[in-house]
Amino acid sequence: MSLLTPLLWLLIISPLLIIAHFFSEKTNFKYLLIFAIYFLVDSYLQALGTEYLKLDFLNLDWNWSGKILSLILSLSFIFFHSKEIRKEIGFTSKFNSKTLKLGVFIFLGFLVFDFIFKMIIFPKGGQFDLESFLFQATMPGTEELVFRGIYLYLLGRAFSSSKNIKEVAFGWGFIIVTFLFGMVHGVFLTEELELKFDIITIAYLTLIPSLGLGILRKFTGNLILPVIGHNLINTMNIFIRLR
């Protein structure tokens, strides 16, 4: 992947950022700038992780280094802030009792659809790999600290909104983060600067896992279940391919 890819990702979501600016009650550009900087730093840490945190002696295939560095960055950002802001990010053990069951129910609906869809389209006959299992059972959830935690917080502060569902605030930040998750998994530039993208991957990840996890995050009030849910989705993908 070319190191220009994170800049491309920001360019792709820029129309959404512009729309959010004009349709929000107020735009706080400080938080928008912090979001852009954090996004680039996190993206490059993941892309260059093996250079900053060498685990060559373990002979690993997955990008453990990048994910660990991303986790360190996200936890540093979270603990740098006050307890009140950590709660706003979702780093709390408290649940929203009014909408907890609704959030879990909606997420499970997305999960069942995801399972059935992948049972149909995924190739079968794969072999079990211990490293893949351990990685998918632990590391994907770190993305929730970033996407449904820090990004959702920063963009929520950047674009103020009074739009509520069941007394839970939704807004342009939610829409942008939901799309961003699908886009960063489906678009990249090669080292030769050739654009590669899969519109099906982008659309599916945006509308199913990303939307489901975002709703779960909003209605539960914290990141605990989204982290577990994300790891569950990725672990499920491994076992579906084994059939």
Protein backbone atom coordinates (compact mmCIF):
# COMPACT_ATOMS: atom_id res chain seq x y z
CA MET A 1 0.00 0.00 0.00
CA SER A 2 1.26 3.46 -0.90
CA LEU A 3 1.83 5.90 1.95
CA LEU A 4 -0.42 8.31 0.05
CA THR A 5 -3.43 6.09 0.78
CA PRO A 6 -4.40 7.76 4.11
CA LEU A 7 -4.42 11.12 2.32
CA LEU A 8 -6.66 9.59 -0.33
CA TRP A 9 -9.03 8.38 2.39
CA LEU A 10 -9.33 11.90 3.77
CA LEU A 11 -9.90 13.23 0.26
CA ILE A 12 -12.70 10.73 -0.32
CA ILE A 13 -14.58 11.72 2.84
CA SER A 14 -14.02 15.45 2.28
CA PRO A 15 -17.40 15.89 0.50
CA LEU A 16 -19.12 14.44 3.58
CA LEU A 17 -17.16 16.81 5.82
CA ILE A 18 -18.21 19.77 3.67
CA ILE A 19 -21.86 18.69 3.70
CA ALA A 20 -21.70 18.20 7.46
CA HIS A 21 -20.30 21.72 7.85
CA PHE A 22 -23.16 23.34 5.95
CA PHE A 23 -25.92 21.25 7.51
CA SER A 24 -24.69 21.29 11.12
CA GLU A 25 -25.85 23.85 13.61
CA LYS A 26 -22.20 24.73 14.29
CA THR A 27 -18.76 23.52 13.18
CA ASN A 28 -15.80 23.43 15.55
CA PHE A 29 -12.76 23.36 13.27
CA LYS A 30 -10.39 22.62 16.15
CA TYR A 31 -11.86 19.15 16.61
CA LEU A 32 -12.00 18.64 12.85
CA LEU A 33 -8.26 19.36 12.66
CA ILE A 34 -7.52 17.03 15.59
CA PHE A 35 -9.52 14.31 13.83
CA ALA A 36 -7.51 14.71 10.61
CA ILE A 37 -4.17 14.67 12.46
CA TYR A 38 -5.11 11.67 14.60
CA PHE A 39 -6.43 9.81 11.56
CA LEU A 40 -3.16 10.28 9.68
CA VAL A 41 -0.96 9.39 12.67
CA ASP A 42 -2.95 6.24 13.40
CA SER A 43 -3.04 5.20 9.74
CA TYR A 44 0.73 5.59 9.36
CA LEU A 45 1.46 3.80 12.63
CA GLN A 46 -0.53 0.82 11.38
CA ALA A 47 1.05 0.95 7.93
CA LEU A 48 4.60 1.27 9.27
CA GLY A 49 4.10 -0.74 12.44
CA THR A 50 6.67 -3.39 11.65
CA GLU A 51 9.36 -0.71 11.41
CA TYR A 52 8.57 0.84 14.81
CA LEU A 53 7.74 -2.33 16.73
CA LYS A 54 9.71 -5.24 15.32
CA LEU A 55 8.32 -8.70 16.08
CA ASP A 56 10.29 -10.47 13.36
CA PHE A 57 11.54 -13.11 15.80
CA LEU A 58 7.97 -14.40 16.16
CA ASN A 59 7.59 -14.94 12.40
CA LEU A 60 4.06 -13.52 12.32
CA ASP A 61 1.94 -13.07 9.20
CA TRP A 62 -0.61 -10.57 10.55
CA ASN A 63 0.12 -6.92 11.37
CA TRP A 64 0.26 -7.29 15.15
CA SER A 65 2.77 -4.44 15.40
CA GLY A 66 0.52 -1.94 13.65
CA LYS A 67 -2.50 -2.86 15.75
CA ILE A 68 -0.54 -2.75 19.01
CA LEU A 69 0.84 0.72 18.16
CA SER A 70 -2.67 1.86 17.24
CA LEU A 71 -3.92 0.55 20.59
CA ILE A 72 -1.14 2.36 22.47
CA LEU A 73 -1.98 5.60 20.65
CA SER A 74 -5.70 5.31 21.34
CA LEU A 75 -5.23 4.51 25.03
CA SER A 76 -2.76 7.40 25.37
CA PHE A 77 -5.29 9.76 23.81
CA ILE A 78 -8.12 8.47 26.00
CA PHE A 79 -6.22 8.63 29.31
CA PHE A 80 -4.85 12.06 28.45
CA HIS A 81 -8.40 13.37 28.86
CA SER A 82 -10.64 13.72 31.88
CA LYS A 83 -13.02 11.06 33.15
CA GLU A 84 -15.96 12.99 31.68
CA ILE A 85 -14.43 13.01 28.20
CA ARG A 86 -13.43 9.35 28.51
CA LYS A 87 -17.09 8.62 29.17
CA GLU A 88 -18.07 10.66 26.12
CA ILE A 89 -15.59 8.63 24.06
CA GLY A 90 -17.24 5.49 25.41
CA PHE A 91 -14.39 4.37 27.64
CA THR A 92 -16.58 3.58 30.63
CA SER A 93 -18.17 0.57 32.27
CA LYS A 94 -21.56 2.26 32.55
CA PHE A 95 -24.34 1.23 30.17
CA ASN A 96 -27.33 3.20 28.93
CA SER A 97 -30.05 1.13 30.59
CA LYS A 98 -32.84 2.77 28.57
CA THR A 99 -31.57 1.63 25.17
CA LEU A 100 -29.15 -1.21 26.01
CA LYS A 101 -31.52 -4.03 25.04
CA LEU A 102 -32.55 -2.24 21.85
CA GLY A 103 -28.92 -1.78 20.81
CA VAL A 104 -28.09 -5.44 21.44
CA PHE A 105 -31.22 -6.58 19.60
CA ILE A 106 -30.44 -4.46 16.53
CA PHE A 107 -26.82 -5.59 16.47
CA LEU A 108 -27.81 -9.24 16.71
CA GLY A 109 -30.10 -8.69 13.72
CA PHE A 110 -27.17 -7.34 11.73
CA LEU A 111 -25.00 -10.23 12.97
CA VAL A 112 -27.49 -12.89 11.85
CA PHE A 113 -27.76 -11.29 8.41
CA ASP A 114 -23.96 -11.10 8.22
CA PHE A 115 -23.63 -14.76 9.15
CA ILE A 116 -26.19 -15.98 6.60
CA PHE A 117 -24.78 -13.79 3.82
CA LYS A 118 -21.22 -14.97 4.40
CA MET A 119 -22.30 -18.60 4.68
CA ILE A 120 -23.56 -18.22 1.12
CA ILE A 121 -20.72 -16.26 -0.50
CA PHE A 122 -17.55 -17.20 1.42
CA PRO A 123 -15.33 -19.89 -0.14
CA LYS A 124 -15.19 -23.06 1.94
CA GLY A 125 -12.57 -25.65 2.72
CA GLY A 126 -10.03 -23.42 4.44
CA GLN A 127 -7.59 -24.70 7.06
CA PHE A 128 -7.52 -23.57 10.66
CA ASP A 129 -4.61 -21.27 11.48
CA LEU A 130 -3.87 -20.52 15.12
CA GLU A 131 -2.28 -17.11 14.50
CA SER A 132 -5.23 -15.99 12.37
CA PHE A 133 -7.65 -17.11 15.08
CA LEU A 134 -5.76 -15.31 17.86
CA PHE A 135 -5.42 -12.13 15.80
CA GLN A 136 -9.07 -11.99 14.72
CA ALA A 137 -10.28 -12.83 18.23
CA THR A 138 -8.37 -9.93 19.79
CA MET A 139 -7.03 -7.22 17.47
CA PRO A 140 -10.07 -6.11 15.40
CA GLY A 141 -11.76 -4.80 18.54
CA THR A 142 -9.01 -2.22 18.91
CA GLU A 143 -10.53 -0.48 15.88
CA GLU A 144 -13.60 0.26 17.99
CA LEU A 145 -11.55 2.45 20.33
CA VAL A 146 -10.57 4.45 17.27
CA PHE A 147 -13.67 4.48 15.05
CA ARG A 148 -16.63 4.22 17.42
CA GLY A 149 -14.66 5.85 20.22
CA ILE A 150 -12.20 8.61 19.35
CA TYR A 151 -13.39 9.44 15.82
CA LEU A 152 -17.02 9.46 16.87
CA TYR A 153 -16.16 11.76 19.76
CA LEU A 154 -14.04 14.17 17.70
CA LEU A 155 -16.49 14.42 14.81
CA GLY A 156 -19.38 14.71 17.23
CA ARG A 157 -17.64 17.71 18.76
CA ALA A 158 -16.77 19.09 15.32
CA PHE A 159 -20.32 18.98 13.99
CA SER A 160 -22.92 19.82 16.62
CA SER A 161 -26.38 18.36 16.16
CA SER A 162 -29.60 18.08 18.11
CA LYS A 163 -30.79 14.96 16.23
CA ASN A 164 -31.74 12.29 18.76
CA ILE A 165 -33.16 8.79 18.49
CA LYS A 166 -34.53 7.38 21.75
CA GLU A 167 -32.78 10.31 23.48
CA VAL A 168 -29.42 9.15 22.05
CA ALA A 169 -27.55 11.74 20.00
CA PHE A 170 -26.82 10.85 16.38
CA GLY A 171 -25.39 13.24 13.83
CA TRP A 172 -22.99 13.77 10.97
CA GLY A 173 -20.13 12.29 12.97
CA PHE A 174 -21.98 8.98 13.11
CA ILE A 175 -22.60 9.01 9.36
CA ILE A 176 -19.00 9.91 8.51
CA VAL A 177 -17.47 7.28 10.82
CA THR A 178 -19.84 4.60 9.51
CA PHE A 179 -18.81 5.28 5.91
CA LEU A 180 -15.14 5.80 6.77
CA PHE A 181 -14.88 2.32 8.27
CA GLY A 182 -16.07 0.68 5.06
CA MET A 183 -13.98 2.91 2.86
CA VAL A 184 -10.61 2.31 4.58
CA HIS A 185 -11.13 -1.42 4.19
CA GLY A 186 -12.03 -1.23 0.50
CA VAL A 187 -9.85 1.48 -1.07
CA PHE A 188 -6.09 1.81 -1.36
CA LEU A 189 -3.28 2.95 -3.62
CA THR A 190 -0.61 0.45 -4.62
CA GLU A 191 3.09 1.27 -4.46
CA GLU A 192 2.79 2.07 -8.17
CA LEU A 193 0.00 4.55 -7.31
CA GLU A 194 -2.63 2.38 -8.95
CA LEU A 195 -6.06 2.89 -7.42
CA LYS A 196 -7.65 -0.29 -6.12
CA PHE A 197 -11.17 -0.35 -4.74
CA ASP A 198 -14.00 -2.80 -4.22
CA ILE A 199 -17.36 -1.05 -4.17
CA ILE A 200 -19.10 -4.18 -2.88
CA THR A 201 -16.73 -4.38 0.09
CA ILE A 202 -17.16 -0.67 0.82
CA ALA A 203 -20.96 -0.82 0.64
CA TYR A 204 -21.28 -4.04 2.62
CA LEU A 205 -18.88 -3.09 5.41
CA THR A 206 -20.53 0.33 5.68
CA LEU A 207 -24.12 -0.90 5.76
CA ILE A 208 -23.72 -4.07 7.83
CA PRO A 209 -20.79 -4.36 10.28
CA SER A 210 -20.01 -0.64 10.60
CA LEU A 211 -23.63 0.46 10.93
CA GLY A 212 -24.44 -2.39 13.31
CA LEU A 213 -21.45 -1.67 15.55
CA GLY A 214 -22.16 2.06 15.47
CA ILE A 215 -25.75 1.56 16.61
CA LEU A 216 -24.55 -0.84 19.31
CA ARG A 217 -22.06 1.78 20.53
CA LYS A 218 -24.65 4.54 20.62
CA PHE A 219 -27.42 2.58 22.30
CA THR A 220 -25.25 0.78 24.87
CA GLY A 221 -23.36 3.95 25.82
CA ASN A 222 -19.87 2.47 25.86
CA LEU A 223 -17.31 0.53 23.82
CA ILE A 224 -17.41 -2.78 25.69
CA LEU A 225 -19.96 -4.58 23.52
CA PRO A 226 -18.74 -3.05 20.23
CA VAL A 227 -15.21 -4.34 20.97
CA ILE A 228 -16.57 -7.81 21.75
CA GLY A 229 -18.91 -7.66 18.77
CA HIS A 230 -16.15 -6.68 16.34
CA ASN A 231 -13.92 -9.52 17.51
CA LEU A 232 -16.89 -11.89 17.25
CA ILE A 233 -17.59 -10.88 13.64
CA ASN A 234 -14.00 -11.43 12.56
CA THR A 235 -13.68 -14.72 14.43
CA MET A 236 -16.94 -15.88 12.86
CA ASN A 237 -15.46 -15.16 9.43
CA ILE A 238 -12.63 -17.66 10.10
CA PHE A 239 -14.93 -20.53 11.04
CA ILE A 240 -17.33 -19.88 8.17
CA ARG A 241 -14.43 -20.40 5.74
CA LEU A 242 -13.57 -23.75 7.36
CA ARG A 243 -16.80 -25.45 6.23
